[in-house]
């Protein structure tokens, strides 16, 4: 469980770093960045690069907590 939580926290931190700097997941255009750009309002498009990593990290943390509580 500790490893999963660590991976999840790392994903969240990477996502936050990308969102704060306005960077993207891919060097050029990437379909996942484009999808999140379309879903977000135009004023929040700079957050689209880190949102996938942030959501994946949160999902890993939620899964680890659910799995740990189930035992």
N, C-alpha and C. Protein backbone atom coordinates (compact mmCIF):
# COMPACT_ATOMS: atom_id res chain seq x y z
N UNK A 1 0.83 -1.19 0.00
CA UNK A 1 0.00 0.00 0.00
C UNK A 1 0.87 1.26 0.00
N UNK A 2 2.00 1.21 0.69
CA UNK A 2 2.87 2.38 0.75
C UNK A 2 3.45 2.74 -0.61
N UNK A 3 3.78 1.71 -1.39
CA UNK A 3 4.33 1.96 -2.72
C UNK A 3 3.27 2.60 -3.62
N UNK A 4 2.06 2.08 -3.55
CA UNK A 4 0.97 2.65 -4.36
C UNK A 4 0.68 4.09 -3.96
N UNK A 5 0.67 4.37 -2.67
CA UNK A 5 0.45 5.74 -2.22
C UNK A 5 1.58 6.66 -2.70
N UNK A 6 2.81 6.16 -2.64
CA UNK A 6 3.95 6.95 -3.11
C UNK A 6 3.86 7.27 -4.59
N UNK A 7 3.46 6.28 -5.38
CA UNK A 7 3.30 6.49 -6.82
C UNK A 7 2.17 7.49 -7.08
N UNK A 8 1.09 7.36 -6.35
CA UNK A 8 -0.03 8.29 -6.51
C UNK A 8 0.35 9.71 -6.15
N UNK A 9 1.06 9.88 -5.04
CA UNK A 9 1.49 11.22 -4.63
C UNK A 9 2.46 11.80 -5.65
N UNK A 10 3.35 10.97 -6.18
CA UNK A 10 4.27 11.44 -7.20
C UNK A 10 3.52 11.89 -8.46
N UNK A 11 2.49 11.15 -8.85
CA UNK A 11 1.67 11.55 -9.99
C UNK A 11 0.97 12.88 -9.75
N UNK A 12 0.45 13.05 -8.54
CA UNK A 12 -0.21 14.31 -8.20
C UNK A 12 0.79 15.46 -8.24
N UNK A 13 1.98 15.25 -7.70
CA UNK A 13 3.00 16.30 -7.70
C UNK A 13 3.46 16.65 -9.11
N UNK A 14 3.61 15.65 -9.96
CA UNK A 14 3.98 15.92 -11.36
C UNK A 14 2.88 16.70 -12.04
N UNK A 15 1.64 16.30 -11.82
CA UNK A 15 0.51 17.02 -12.42
C UNK A 15 0.44 18.46 -11.94
N UNK A 16 0.65 18.69 -10.65
CA UNK A 16 0.63 20.06 -10.12
C UNK A 16 1.77 20.89 -10.69
N UNK A 17 2.95 20.27 -10.81
CA UNK A 17 4.08 21.00 -11.38
C UNK A 17 3.81 21.40 -12.83
N UNK A 18 3.23 20.49 -13.60
CA UNK A 18 2.90 20.81 -14.99
C UNK A 18 1.83 21.88 -15.07
N UNK A 19 0.87 21.83 -14.16
CA UNK A 19 -0.20 22.82 -14.18
C UNK A 19 0.32 24.19 -13.77
N UNK A 20 1.20 24.26 -12.79
CA UNK A 20 1.72 25.54 -12.33
C UNK A 20 2.64 26.19 -13.36
N UNK A 21 3.39 25.37 -14.10
CA UNK A 21 4.31 25.92 -15.10
C UNK A 21 3.65 26.11 -16.47
N UNK A 22 2.47 25.52 -16.66
CA UNK A 22 1.78 25.65 -17.93
C UNK A 22 2.35 24.75 -19.02
N UNK A 23 3.14 23.75 -18.63
CA UNK A 23 3.73 22.83 -19.59
C UNK A 23 2.72 21.77 -20.00
N UNK A 24 3.11 20.97 -20.98
CA UNK A 24 2.23 19.91 -21.48
C UNK A 24 2.86 18.55 -21.23
N UNK A 25 2.05 17.51 -21.30
CA UNK A 25 2.55 16.15 -21.12
C UNK A 25 3.47 15.75 -22.28
N UNK A 26 3.12 16.15 -23.48
CA UNK A 26 3.88 15.79 -24.67
C UNK A 26 4.65 16.99 -25.19
N UNK A 27 5.70 16.75 -25.92
CA UNK A 27 6.50 17.83 -26.47
C UNK A 27 5.74 18.59 -27.55
N UNK A 28 5.15 17.88 -28.46
CA UNK A 28 4.34 18.51 -29.51
C UNK A 28 2.89 18.52 -29.08
N UNK A 29 2.02 18.25 -30.03
CA UNK A 29 0.61 18.13 -29.65
C UNK A 29 0.33 16.67 -29.34
N UNK A 30 -0.47 16.46 -28.36
CA UNK A 30 -0.77 15.12 -27.86
C UNK A 30 -2.28 15.02 -27.74
N UNK A 31 -2.85 13.89 -28.04
CA UNK A 31 -4.31 13.77 -28.04
C UNK A 31 -4.87 13.98 -26.64
N UNK A 32 -4.16 13.55 -25.60
CA UNK A 32 -4.71 13.69 -24.25
C UNK A 32 -4.74 15.15 -23.82
N UNK A 33 -3.70 15.90 -24.20
CA UNK A 33 -3.70 17.34 -23.91
C UNK A 33 -4.82 18.05 -24.66
N UNK A 34 -5.02 17.65 -25.92
CA UNK A 34 -6.07 18.26 -26.72
C UNK A 34 -7.46 17.97 -26.16
N UNK A 35 -7.66 16.76 -25.66
CA UNK A 35 -8.97 16.41 -25.08
C UNK A 35 -9.26 17.29 -23.86
N UNK A 36 -8.28 17.43 -22.99
CA UNK A 36 -8.50 18.25 -21.79
C UNK A 36 -8.61 19.73 -22.13
N UNK A 37 -7.92 20.17 -23.19
CA UNK A 37 -8.08 21.56 -23.62
C UNK A 37 -9.50 21.83 -24.11
N UNK A 38 -10.09 20.83 -24.78
CA UNK A 38 -11.46 21.00 -25.27
C UNK A 38 -12.46 20.99 -24.12
N UNK A 39 -12.19 20.23 -23.07
CA UNK A 39 -13.12 20.12 -21.96
C UNK A 39 -13.09 21.32 -21.03
N UNK A 40 -11.94 21.97 -20.93
CA UNK A 40 -11.80 23.10 -20.02
C UNK A 40 -12.18 24.41 -20.68
N UNK A 41 -12.67 25.38 -19.92
CA UNK A 41 -12.91 26.71 -20.48
C UNK A 41 -11.59 27.33 -20.94
N UNK A 42 -11.67 28.29 -21.83
CA UNK A 42 -10.45 28.86 -22.42
C UNK A 42 -9.54 29.51 -21.39
N UNK A 43 -10.08 30.02 -20.30
CA UNK A 43 -9.24 30.64 -19.29
C UNK A 43 -8.43 29.62 -18.49
N UNK A 44 -8.82 28.34 -18.54
CA UNK A 44 -8.11 27.29 -17.81
C UNK A 44 -7.33 26.36 -18.72
N UNK A 45 -7.13 26.71 -20.00
CA UNK A 45 -6.44 25.82 -20.92
C UNK A 45 -5.00 25.54 -20.53
N UNK A 46 -4.37 26.43 -19.79
CA UNK A 46 -2.99 26.21 -19.38
C UNK A 46 -2.88 25.06 -18.37
N UNK A 47 -3.97 24.70 -17.73
CA UNK A 47 -3.96 23.60 -16.76
C UNK A 47 -4.09 22.24 -17.42
N UNK A 48 -4.39 22.22 -18.72
CA UNK A 48 -4.67 20.96 -19.41
C UNK A 48 -3.47 20.03 -19.45
N UNK A 49 -2.26 20.54 -19.41
CA UNK A 49 -1.08 19.69 -19.49
C UNK A 49 -0.89 18.80 -18.28
N UNK A 50 -1.22 19.30 -17.10
CA UNK A 50 -0.99 18.53 -15.89
C UNK A 50 -2.21 17.79 -15.37
N UNK A 51 -3.35 18.08 -15.93
CA UNK A 51 -4.59 17.46 -15.43
C UNK A 51 -4.61 15.94 -15.57
N UNK A 52 -4.14 15.35 -16.67
CA UNK A 52 -4.14 13.88 -16.74
C UNK A 52 -3.28 13.23 -15.66
N UNK A 53 -2.10 13.77 -15.40
CA UNK A 53 -1.23 13.20 -14.36
C UNK A 53 -1.85 13.38 -12.99
N UNK A 54 -2.46 14.52 -12.76
CA UNK A 54 -3.11 14.79 -11.48
C UNK A 54 -4.26 13.81 -11.24
N UNK A 55 -5.09 13.61 -12.24
CA UNK A 55 -6.23 12.69 -12.11
C UNK A 55 -5.77 11.24 -11.95
N UNK A 56 -4.72 10.86 -12.68
CA UNK A 56 -4.19 9.50 -12.54
C UNK A 56 -3.63 9.29 -11.14
N UNK A 57 -2.92 10.27 -10.62
CA UNK A 57 -2.38 10.17 -9.26
C UNK A 57 -3.48 10.06 -8.23
N UNK A 58 -4.53 10.86 -8.39
CA UNK A 58 -5.66 10.78 -7.45
C UNK A 58 -6.36 9.43 -7.53
N UNK A 59 -6.46 8.88 -8.74
CA UNK A 59 -7.09 7.57 -8.90
C UNK A 59 -6.26 6.48 -8.23
N UNK A 60 -4.94 6.56 -8.35
CA UNK A 60 -4.07 5.57 -7.71
C UNK A 60 -4.17 5.67 -6.20
N UNK A 61 -4.19 6.88 -5.67
CA UNK A 61 -4.33 7.08 -4.22
C UNK A 61 -5.68 6.53 -3.74
N UNK A 62 -6.75 6.84 -4.46
CA UNK A 62 -8.07 6.35 -4.07
C UNK A 62 -8.12 4.82 -4.09
N UNK A 63 -7.51 4.21 -5.11
CA UNK A 63 -7.49 2.76 -5.19
C UNK A 63 -6.70 2.15 -4.04
N UNK A 64 -5.57 2.75 -3.71
CA UNK A 64 -4.74 2.24 -2.61
C UNK A 64 -5.48 2.36 -1.29
N UNK A 65 -6.16 3.47 -1.07
CA UNK A 65 -6.91 3.65 0.18
C UNK A 65 -8.09 2.68 0.26
N UNK A 66 -8.77 2.48 -0.87
CA UNK A 66 -9.90 1.55 -0.90
C UNK A 66 -9.43 0.13 -0.64
N UNK A 67 -8.33 -0.24 -1.28
CA UNK A 67 -7.79 -1.58 -1.12
C UNK A 67 -7.29 -1.79 0.32
N UNK A 68 -6.70 -0.75 0.92
CA UNK A 68 -6.22 -0.87 2.29
C UNK A 68 -7.36 -0.95 3.30
N UNK A 69 -8.45 -0.24 3.04
CA UNK A 69 -9.60 -0.27 3.95
C UNK A 69 -10.37 -1.59 3.82
N UNK A 70 -10.27 -2.22 2.69
CA UNK A 70 -11.00 -3.46 2.43
C UNK A 70 -10.43 -4.63 3.22
N UNK A 71 -9.13 -4.57 3.55
CA UNK A 71 -8.48 -5.69 4.26
C UNK A 71 -8.93 -5.82 5.66
